[in-house]
PDB file of all heavy atoms in Angstrom:
ATOM      1  N   GLN A   1     102.321 -24.912 -35.152  1.00  0.00           N
ATOM      2  CA  GLN A   1     102.917 -24.255 -36.322  1.00  0.00           C
ATOM      3  C   GLN A   1     102.483 -24.970 -37.606  1.00  0.00           C
ATOM      4  O   GLN A   1     102.143 -24.334 -38.608  1.00  0.00           O
ATOM      5  CB  GLN A   1     104.446 -24.230 -36.220  1.00  0.00           C
ATOM      6  CG  GLN A   1     105.125 -23.538 -37.390  1.00  0.00           C
ATOM      7  CD  GLN A   1     104.725 -22.084 -37.538  1.00  0.00           C
ATOM      8  OE1 GLN A   1     104.756 -21.329 -36.572  1.00  0.00           O
ATOM      9  NE2 GLN A   1     104.334 -21.683 -38.740  1.00  0.00           N
ATOM     10  N   ALA A   2     102.479 -26.288 -37.574  1.00  0.00           N
ATOM     11  CA  ALA A   2     102.053 -27.057 -38.747  1.00  0.00           C
ATOM     12  C   ALA A   2     100.576 -26.797 -39.050  1.00  0.00           C
ATOM     13  O   ALA A   2     100.182 -26.704 -40.219  1.00  0.00           O
ATOM     14  CB  ALA A   2     102.300 -28.550 -38.515  1.00  0.00           C
ATOM     15  N   ARG A   3      99.748 -26.660 -37.999  1.00  0.00           N
ATOM     16  CA  ARG A   3      98.328 -26.356 -38.209  1.00  0.00           C
ATOM     17  C   ARG A   3      98.173 -24.988 -38.847  1.00  0.00           C
ATOM     18  O   ARG A   3      97.371 -24.796 -39.763  1.00  0.00           O
ATOM     19  CB  ARG A   3      97.557 -26.402 -36.894  1.00  0.00           C
ATOM     20  CG  ARG A   3      96.057 -26.270 -37.111  1.00  0.00           C
ATOM     21  CD  ARG A   3      95.315 -25.847 -35.861  1.00  0.00           C
ATOM     22  NE  ARG A   3      93.887 -25.863 -36.024  1.00  0.00           N
ATOM     23  CZ  ARG A   3      93.204 -25.055 -36.829  1.00  0.00           C
ATOM     24  NH1 ARG A   3      93.828 -24.193 -37.584  1.00  0.00           N
ATOM     25  NH2 ARG A   3      91.891 -25.114 -36.905  1.00  0.00           N
ATOM     26  N   GLN A   4      98.939 -24.031 -38.380  1.00  0.00           N
ATOM     27  CA  GLN A   4      98.884 -22.686 -38.953  1.00  0.00           C
ATOM     28  C   GLN A   4      99.330 -22.721 -40.422  1.00  0.00           C
ATOM     29  O   GLN A   4      98.684 -22.109 -41.280  1.00  0.00           O
ATOM     30  CB  GLN A   4      99.776 -21.742 -38.147  1.00  0.00           C
ATOM     31  CG  GLN A   4      99.637 -20.301 -38.551  1.00  0.00           C
ATOM     32  CD  GLN A   4     100.473 -19.386 -37.659  1.00  0.00           C
ATOM     33  OE1 GLN A   4     101.366 -19.834 -36.931  1.00  0.00           O
ATOM     34  NE2 GLN A   4     100.183 -18.105 -37.720  1.00  0.00           N
ATOM     35  N   ASP A   5     100.396 -23.440 -40.708  1.00  0.00           N
ATOM     36  CA  ASP A   5     100.861 -23.583 -42.095  1.00  0.00           C
ATOM     37  C   ASP A   5      99.773 -24.226 -42.960  1.00  0.00           C
ATOM     38  O   ASP A   5      99.533 -23.805 -44.085  1.00  0.00           O
ATOM     39  CB  ASP A   5     102.123 -24.445 -42.163  1.00  0.00           C
ATOM     40  CG  ASP A   5     103.328 -23.807 -41.482  1.00  0.00           C
ATOM     41  OD1 ASP A   5     103.283 -22.586 -41.183  1.00  0.00           O
ATOM     42  OD2 ASP A   5     104.300 -24.549 -41.226  1.00  0.00           O
ATOM     43  N   ALA A   6      99.132 -25.250 -42.415  1.00  0.00           N
ATOM     44  CA  ALA A   6      98.065 -25.932 -43.155  1.00  0.00           C
ATOM     45  C   ALA A   6      96.917 -24.976 -43.460  1.00  0.00           C
ATOM     46  O   ALA A   6      96.335 -25.021 -44.550  1.00  0.00           O
ATOM     47  CB  ALA A   6      97.566 -27.144 -42.353  1.00  0.00           C
ATOM     48  N   GLY A   7      96.583 -24.123 -42.517  1.00  0.00           N
ATOM     49  CA  GLY A   7      95.527 -23.141 -42.740  1.00  0.00           C
ATOM     50  C   GLY A   7      95.865 -22.200 -43.888  1.00  0.00           C
ATOM     51  O   GLY A   7      95.016 -21.931 -44.750  1.00  0.00           O
ATOM     52  N   PHE A   8      97.084 -21.707 -43.907  1.00  0.00           N
ATOM     53  CA  PHE A   8      97.517 -20.823 -44.994  1.00  0.00           C
ATOM     54  C   PHE A   8      97.469 -21.552 -46.341  1.00  0.00           C
ATOM     55  O   PHE A   8      97.020 -20.995 -47.345  1.00  0.00           O
ATOM     56  CB  PHE A   8      98.923 -20.284 -44.743  1.00  0.00           C
ATOM     57  CG  PHE A   8      99.004 -19.280 -43.627  1.00  0.00           C
ATOM     58  CD1 PHE A   8     100.006 -19.372 -42.678  1.00  0.00           C
ATOM     59  CD2 PHE A   8      98.089 -18.237 -43.525  1.00  0.00           C
ATOM     60  CE1 PHE A   8     100.081 -18.448 -41.643  1.00  0.00           C
ATOM     61  CE2 PHE A   8      98.165 -17.309 -42.498  1.00  0.00           C
ATOM     62  CZ  PHE A   8      99.169 -17.419 -41.547  1.00  0.00           C
ATOM     63  N   LEU A   9      97.940 -22.792 -46.357  1.00  0.00           N
ATOM     64  CA  LEU A   9      97.933 -23.567 -47.598  1.00  0.00           C
ATOM     65  C   LEU A   9      96.511 -23.846 -48.074  1.00  0.00           C
ATOM     66  O   LEU A   9      96.226 -23.790 -49.281  1.00  0.00           O
ATOM     67  CB  LEU A   9      98.711 -24.871 -47.404  1.00  0.00           C
ATOM     68  CG  LEU A   9     100.226 -24.717 -47.249  1.00  0.00           C
ATOM     69  CD1 LEU A   9     100.839 -26.003 -46.723  1.00  0.00           C
ATOM     70  CD2 LEU A   9     100.858 -24.302 -48.577  1.00  0.00           C
ATOM     71  N   ALA A  10      95.622 -24.129 -47.150  1.00  0.00           N
ATOM     72  CA  ALA A  10      94.230 -24.405 -47.515  1.00  0.00           C
ATOM     73  C   ALA A  10      93.567 -23.175 -48.131  1.00  0.00           C
ATOM     74  O   ALA A  10      92.860 -23.277 -49.130  1.00  0.00           O
ATOM     75  CB  ALA A  10      93.447 -24.875 -46.290  1.00  0.00           C
ATOM     76  N   VAL A  11      93.826 -22.016 -47.548  1.00  0.00           N
ATOM     77  CA  VAL A  11      93.268 -20.768 -48.085  1.00  0.00           C
ATOM     78  C   VAL A  11      93.794 -20.508 -49.497  1.00  0.00           C
ATOM     79  O   VAL A  11      93.072 -19.998 -50.351  1.00  0.00           O
ATOM     80  CB  VAL A  11      93.590 -19.584 -47.142  1.00  0.00           C
ATOM     81  CG1 VAL A  11      93.277 -18.254 -47.785  1.00  0.00           C
ATOM     82  CG2 VAL A  11      92.834 -19.728 -45.835  1.00  0.00           C
ATOM     83  N   GLN A  12      95.017 -20.894 -49.757  1.00  0.00           N
ATOM     84  CA  GLN A  12      95.617 -20.715 -51.079  1.00  0.00           C
ATOM     85  C   GLN A  12      95.135 -21.775 -52.071  1.00  0.00           C
ATOM     86  O   GLN A  12      95.474 -21.728 -53.249  1.00  0.00           O
ATOM     87  CB  GLN A  12      97.135 -20.780 -50.982  1.00  0.00           C
ATOM     88  CG  GLN A  12      97.745 -19.641 -50.210  1.00  0.00           C
ATOM     89  CD  GLN A  12      99.237 -19.843 -49.956  1.00  0.00           C
ATOM     90  OE1 GLN A  12      99.824 -20.852 -50.361  1.00  0.00           O
ATOM     91  NE2 GLN A  12      99.845 -18.884 -49.275  1.00  0.00           N
ATOM     92  N   GLY A  13      94.350 -22.750 -51.594  1.00  0.00           N
ATOM     93  CA  GLY A  13      93.846 -23.803 -52.469  1.00  0.00           C
ATOM     94  C   GLY A  13      94.796 -24.967 -52.653  1.00  0.00           C
ATOM     95  O   GLY A  13      94.556 -25.842 -53.477  1.00  0.00           O
ATOM     96  N   LYS A  14      95.855 -25.011 -51.880  1.00  0.00           N
ATOM     97  CA  LYS A  14      96.842 -26.091 -51.961  1.00  0.00           C
ATOM     98  C   LYS A  14      96.456 -27.163 -50.939  1.00  0.00           C
ATOM     99  O   LYS A  14      97.110 -27.351 -49.916  1.00  0.00           O
ATOM    100  CB  LYS A  14      98.244 -25.552 -51.699  1.00  0.00           C
ATOM    101  CG  LYS A  14      98.669 -24.494 -52.700  1.00  0.00           C
ATOM    102  CD  LYS A  14     100.007 -23.896 -52.350  1.00  0.00           C
ATOM    103  CE  LYS A  14     100.394 -22.815 -53.348  1.00  0.00           C
ATOM    104  NZ  LYS A  14     101.643 -22.141 -52.989  1.00  0.00           N
ATOM    105  N   LEU A  15      95.375 -27.877 -51.252  1.00  0.00           N
ATOM    106  CA  LEU A  15      94.775 -28.782 -50.283  1.00  0.00           C
ATOM    107  C   LEU A  15      95.651 -29.989 -49.957  1.00  0.00           C
ATOM    108  O   LEU A  15      95.702 -30.421 -48.807  1.00  0.00           O
ATOM    109  CB  LEU A  15      93.395 -29.225 -50.767  1.00  0.00           C
ATOM    110  CG  LEU A  15      92.386 -28.096 -51.015  1.00  0.00           C
ATOM    111  CD1 LEU A  15      91.054 -28.659 -51.464  1.00  0.00           C
ATOM    112  CD2 LEU A  15      92.220 -27.233 -49.777  1.00  0.00           C
ATOM    113  N   GLN A  16      96.327 -30.543 -50.951  1.00  0.00           N
ATOM    114  CA  GLN A  16      97.190 -31.703 -50.679  1.00  0.00           C
ATOM    115  C   GLN A  16      98.344 -31.320 -49.752  1.00  0.00           C
ATOM    116  O   GLN A  16      98.683 -32.060 -48.835  1.00  0.00           O
ATOM    117  CB  GLN A  16      97.737 -32.299 -51.982  1.00  0.00           C
ATOM    118  CG  GLN A  16      96.704 -33.064 -52.780  1.00  0.00           C
ATOM    119  CD  GLN A  16      96.230 -34.331 -52.090  1.00  0.00           C
ATOM    120  OE1 GLN A  16      96.845 -34.839 -51.159  1.00  0.00           O
ATOM    121  NE2 GLN A  16      95.106 -34.853 -52.540  1.00  0.00           N
ATOM    122  N   HIS A  17      98.902 -30.156 -49.970  1.00  0.00           N
ATOM    123  CA  HIS A  17      99.994 -29.698 -49.104  1.00  0.00           C
ATOM    124  C   HIS A  17      99.463 -29.392 -47.701  1.00  0.00           C
ATOM    125  O   HIS A  17     100.129 -29.682 -46.699  1.00  0.00           O
ATOM    126  CB  HIS A  17     100.687 -28.471 -49.695  1.00  0.00           C
ATOM    127  CG  HIS A  17     101.407 -28.749 -50.980  1.00  0.00           C
ATOM    128  ND1 HIS A  17     102.469 -29.621 -51.063  1.00  0.00           N
ATOM    129  CD2 HIS A  17     101.209 -28.283 -52.229  1.00  0.00           C
ATOM    130  CE1 HIS A  17     102.906 -29.678 -52.309  1.00  0.00           C
ATOM    131  NE2 HIS A  17     102.151 -28.877 -53.043  1.00  0.00           N
ATOM    132  N   ALA A  18      98.261 -28.820 -47.647  1.00  0.00           N
ATOM    133  CA  ALA A  18      97.645 -28.548 -46.344  1.00  0.00           C
ATOM    134  C   ALA A  18      97.411 -29.854 -45.593  1.00  0.00           C
ATOM    135  O   ALA A  18      97.644 -29.939 -44.381  1.00  0.00           O
ATOM    136  CB  ALA A  18      96.335 -27.795 -46.528  1.00  0.00           C
ATOM    137  N   LEU A  19      96.976 -30.878 -46.329  1.00  0.00           N
ATOM    138  CA  LEU A  19      96.746 -32.187 -45.711  1.00  0.00           C
ATOM    139  C   LEU A  19      98.053 -32.764 -45.163  1.00  0.00           C
ATOM    140  O   LEU A  19      98.075 -33.310 -44.053  1.00  0.00           O
ATOM    141  CB  LEU A  19      96.119 -33.133 -46.731  1.00  0.00           C
ATOM    142  CG  LEU A  19      95.718 -34.506 -46.232  1.00  0.00           C
ATOM    143  CD1 LEU A  19      94.684 -34.410 -45.110  1.00  0.00           C
ATOM    144  CD2 LEU A  19      95.160 -35.340 -47.384  1.00  0.00           C
ATOM    145  N   GLN A  20      99.143 -32.604 -45.879  1.00  0.00           N
ATOM    146  CA  GLN A  20     100.441 -33.080 -45.391  1.00  0.00           C
ATOM    147  C   GLN A  20     100.833 -32.370 -44.099  1.00  0.00           C
ATOM    148  O   GLN A  20     101.315 -33.003 -43.154  1.00  0.00           O
ATOM    149  CB  GLN A  20     101.520 -32.875 -46.451  1.00  0.00           C
ATOM    150  CG  GLN A  20     101.388 -33.775 -47.653  1.00  0.00           C
ATOM    151  CD  GLN A  20     102.347 -33.400 -48.774  1.00  0.00           C
ATOM    152  OE1 GLN A  20     102.981 -32.337 -48.758  1.00  0.00           O
ATOM    153  NE2 GLN A  20     102.450 -34.286 -49.758  1.00  0.00           N
ATOM    154  N   ARG A  21     100.625 -31.073 -44.051  1.00  0.00           N
ATOM    155  CA  ARG A  21     100.998 -30.312 -42.853  1.00  0.00           C
ATOM    156  C   ARG A  21     100.110 -30.683 -41.666  1.00  0.00           C
ATOM    157  O   ARG A  21     100.597 -30.790 -40.533  1.00  0.00           O
ATOM    158  CB  ARG A  21     100.921 -28.802 -43.120  1.00  0.00           C
ATOM    159  CG  ARG A  21     101.952 -28.290 -44.106  1.00  0.00           C
ATOM    160  CD  ARG A  21     103.381 -28.599 -43.706  1.00  0.00           C
ATOM    161  NE  ARG A  21     103.740 -27.888 -42.478  1.00  0.00           N
ATOM    162  CZ  ARG A  21     104.727 -28.225 -41.671  1.00  0.00           C
ATOM    163  NH1 ARG A  21     105.487 -29.253 -41.945  1.00  0.00           N
ATOM    164  NH2 ARG A  21     104.973 -27.535 -40.578  1.00  0.00           N
ATOM    165  N   ILE A  22      98.827 -30.892 -41.899  1.00  0.00           N
ATOM    166  CA  ILE A  22      97.948 -31.232 -40.773  1.00  0.00           C
ATOM    167  C   ILE A  22      98.237 -32.655 -40.301  1.00  0.00           C
ATOM    168  O   ILE A  22      98.120 -32.949 -39.107  1.00  0.00           O
ATOM    169  CB  ILE A  22      96.454 -30.992 -41.109  1.00  0.00           C
ATOM    170  CG1 ILE A  22      95.637 -30.837 -39.818  1.00  0.00           C
ATOM    171  CG2 ILE A  22      95.873 -32.094 -41.960  1.00  0.00           C
ATOM    172  CD1 ILE A  22      95.970 -29.645 -38.991  1.00  0.00           C
ATOM    173  N   ASN A  23      98.649 -33.531 -41.200  1.00  0.00           N
ATOM    174  CA  ASN A  23      99.063 -34.870 -40.775  1.00  0.00           C
ATOM    175  C   ASN A  23     100.291 -34.792 -39.875  1.00  0.00           C
ATOM    176  O   ASN A  23     100.384 -35.500 -38.872  1.00  0.00           O
ATOM    177  CB  ASN A  23      99.348 -35.770 -41.982  1.00  0.00           C
ATOM    178  CG  ASN A  23      98.089 -36.293 -42.622  1.00  0.00           C
ATOM    179  OD1 ASN A  23      97.043 -36.414 -41.977  1.00  0.00           O
ATOM    180  ND2 ASN A  23      98.154 -36.589 -43.909  1.00  0.00           N
ATOM    181  N   TYR A  24     101.208 -33.914 -40.214  1.00  0.00           N
ATOM    182  CA  TYR A  24     102.393 -33.695 -39.382  1.00  0.00           C
ATOM    183  C   TYR A  24     101.983 -33.166 -38.008  1.00  0.00           C
ATOM    184  O   TYR A  24     102.514 -33.588 -36.978  1.00  0.00           O
ATOM    185  CB  TYR A  24     103.366 -32.733 -40.082  1.00  0.00           C
ATOM    186  CG  TYR A  24     104.600 -32.428 -39.282  1.00  0.00           C
ATOM    187  CD1 TYR A  24     105.622 -33.368 -39.166  1.00  0.00           C
ATOM    188  CD2 TYR A  24     104.743 -31.207 -38.634  1.00  0.00           C
ATOM    189  CE1 TYR A  24     106.764 -33.086 -38.428  1.00  0.00           C
ATOM    190  CE2 TYR A  24     105.883 -30.925 -37.884  1.00  0.00           C
ATOM    191  CZ  TYR A  24     106.879 -31.869 -37.781  1.00  0.00           C
ATOM    192  OH  TYR A  24     108.012 -31.596 -37.038  1.00  0.00           O
ATOM    193  N   ALA A  25     101.034 -32.255 -37.999  1.00  0.00           N
ATOM    194  CA  ALA A  25     100.546 -31.709 -36.727  1.00  0.00           C
ATOM    195  C   ALA A  25      99.949 -32.805 -35.860  1.00  0.00           C
ATOM    196  O   ALA A  25     100.200 -32.875 -34.652  1.00  0.00           O
ATOM    197  CB  ALA A  25      99.522 -30.606 -36.983  1.00  0.00           C
ATOM    198  N   ILE A  26      99.171 -33.692 -36.469  1.00  0.00           N
ATOM    199  CA  ILE A  26      98.542 -34.790 -35.717  1.00  0.00           C
ATOM    200  C   ILE A  26      99.591 -35.754 -35.181  1.00  0.00           C
ATOM    201  O   ILE A  26      99.465 -36.259 -34.061  1.00  0.00           O
ATOM    202  CB  ILE A  26      97.486 -35.504 -36.584  1.00  0.00           C
ATOM    203  CG1 ILE A  26      96.266 -34.582 -36.779  1.00  0.00           C
ATOM    204  CG2 ILE A  26      97.063 -36.832 -35.971  1.00  0.00           C
ATOM    205  CD1 ILE A  26      95.241 -35.072 -37.773  1.00  0.00           C
ATOM    206  N   GLU A  27     100.649 -35.999 -35.943  1.00  0.00           N
ATOM    207  CA  GLU A  27     101.731 -36.859 -35.454  1.00  0.00           C
ATOM    208  C   GLU A  27     102.366 -36.282 -34.188  1.00  0.00           C
ATOM    209  O   GLU A  27     102.761 -37.023 -33.295  1.00  0.00           O
ATOM    210  CB  GLU A  27     102.814 -37.015 -36.530  1.00  0.00           C
ATOM    211  CG  GLU A  27     102.414 -37.881 -37.688  1.00  0.00           C
ATOM    212  CD  GLU A  27     103.456 -37.867 -38.803  1.00  0.00           C
ATOM    213  OE1 GLU A  27     104.606 -37.414 -38.568  1.00  0.00           O
ATOM    214  OE2 GLU A  27     103.111 -38.299 -39.917  1.00  0.00           O
ATOM    215  N   ASN A  28     102.447 -34.955 -34.127  1.00  0.00           N
ATOM    216  CA  ASN A  28     103.074 -34.297 -32.982  1.00  0.00           C
ATOM    217  C   ASN A  28     102.118 -34.079 -31.814  1.00  0.00           C
ATOM    218  O   ASN A  28     102.580 -33.944 -30.674  1.00  0.00           O
ATOM    219  CB  ASN A  28     103.684 -32.951 -33.403  1.00  0.00           C
ATOM    220  CG  ASN A  28     104.989 -33.152 -34.123  1.00  0.00           C
ATOM    221  OD1 ASN A  28     105.957 -33.599 -33.535  1.00  0.00           O
ATOM    222  ND2 ASN A  28     105.010 -32.860 -35.407  1.00  0.00           N
ATOM    223  N   ASP A  29     100.827 -34.014 -32.077  1.00  0.00           N
ATOM    224  CA  ASP A  29      99.848 -33.786 -31.007  1.00  0.00           C
ATOM    225  C   ASP A  29      98.565 -34.558 -31.306  1.00  0.00           C
ATOM    226  O   ASP A  29      97.558 -33.975 -31.697  1.00  0.00           O
ATOM    227  CB  ASP A  29      99.563 -32.284 -30.869  1.00  0.00           C
ATOM    228  CG  ASP A  29      98.758 -31.959 -29.621  1.00  0.00           C
ATOM    229  OD1 ASP A  29      98.478 -32.875 -28.809  1.00  0.00           O
ATOM    230  OD2 ASP A  29      98.404 -30.771 -29.458  1.00  0.00           O
ATOM    231  N   PRO A  30      98.607 -35.884 -31.125  1.00  0.00           N
ATOM    232  CA  PRO A  30      97.454 -36.715 -31.493  1.00  0.00           C
ATOM    233  C   PRO A  30      96.260 -36.618 -30.531  1.00  0.00           C
ATOM    234  O   PRO A  30      95.246 -37.264 -30.761  1.00  0.00           O
ATOM    235  CB  PRO A  30      98.036 -38.136 -31.489  1.00  0.00           C
ATOM    236  CG  PRO A  30      99.170 -38.064 -30.520  1.00  0.00           C
ATOM    237  CD  PRO A  30      99.733 -36.679 -30.646  1.00  0.00           C
ATOM    238  N   LEU A  31      96.371 -35.802 -29.490  1.00  0.00           N
ATOM    239  CA  LEU A  31      95.279 -35.677 -28.528  1.00  0.00           C
ATOM    240  C   LEU A  31      94.474 -34.392 -28.717  1.00  0.00           C
ATOM    241  O   LEU A  31      93.572 -34.110 -27.935  1.00  0.00           O
ATOM    242  CB  LEU A  31      95.822 -35.741 -27.099  1.00  0.00           C
ATOM    243  CG  LEU A  31      96.557 -37.032 -26.741  1.00  0.00           C
ATOM    244  CD1 LEU A  31      97.112 -36.959 -25.328  1.00  0.00           C
ATOM    245  CD2 LEU A  31      95.643 -38.233 -26.912  1.00  0.00           C
ATOM    246  N   ASP A  32      94.784 -33.620 -29.754  1.00  0.00           N
ATOM    247  CA  ASP A  32      94.082 -32.369 -30.011  1.00  0.00           C
ATOM    248  C   ASP A  32      92.961 -32.617 -31.021  1.00  0.00           C
ATOM    249  O   ASP A  32      93.218 -32.800 -32.217  1.00  0.00           O
ATOM    250  CB  ASP A  32      95.065 -31.322 -30.549  1.00  0.00           C
ATOM    251  CG  ASP A  32      94.422 -29.963 -30.755  1.00  0.00           C
ATOM    252  OD1 ASP A  32      93.184 -29.851 -30.678  1.00  0.00           O
ATOM    253  OD2 ASP A  32      95.173 -28.996 -31.010  1.00  0.00           O
ATOM    254  N   PRO A  33      91.699 -32.600 -30.570  1.00  0.00           N
ATOM    255  CA  PRO A  33      90.599 -32.891 -31.490  1.00  0.00           C
ATOM    256  C   PRO A  33      90.441 -31.846 -32.598  1.00  0.00           C
ATOM    257  O   PRO A  33      89.945 -32.165 -33.677  1.00  0.00           O
ATOM    258  CB  PRO A  33      89.365 -32.932 -30.588  1.00  0.00           C
ATOM    259  CG  PRO A  33      89.751 -32.254 -29.330  1.00  0.00           C
ATOM    260  CD  PRO A  33      91.233 -32.377 -29.204  1.00  0.00           C
TER     261      PRO A  33
END
């Protein structure tokens, strides 16, 4: 869900917010390349 949110934010040009969401995703699933 966080990855999907990050994708939407990135498309909107909100890169810092997208980075925060993808960091959250990595915290929850650090084995997904």
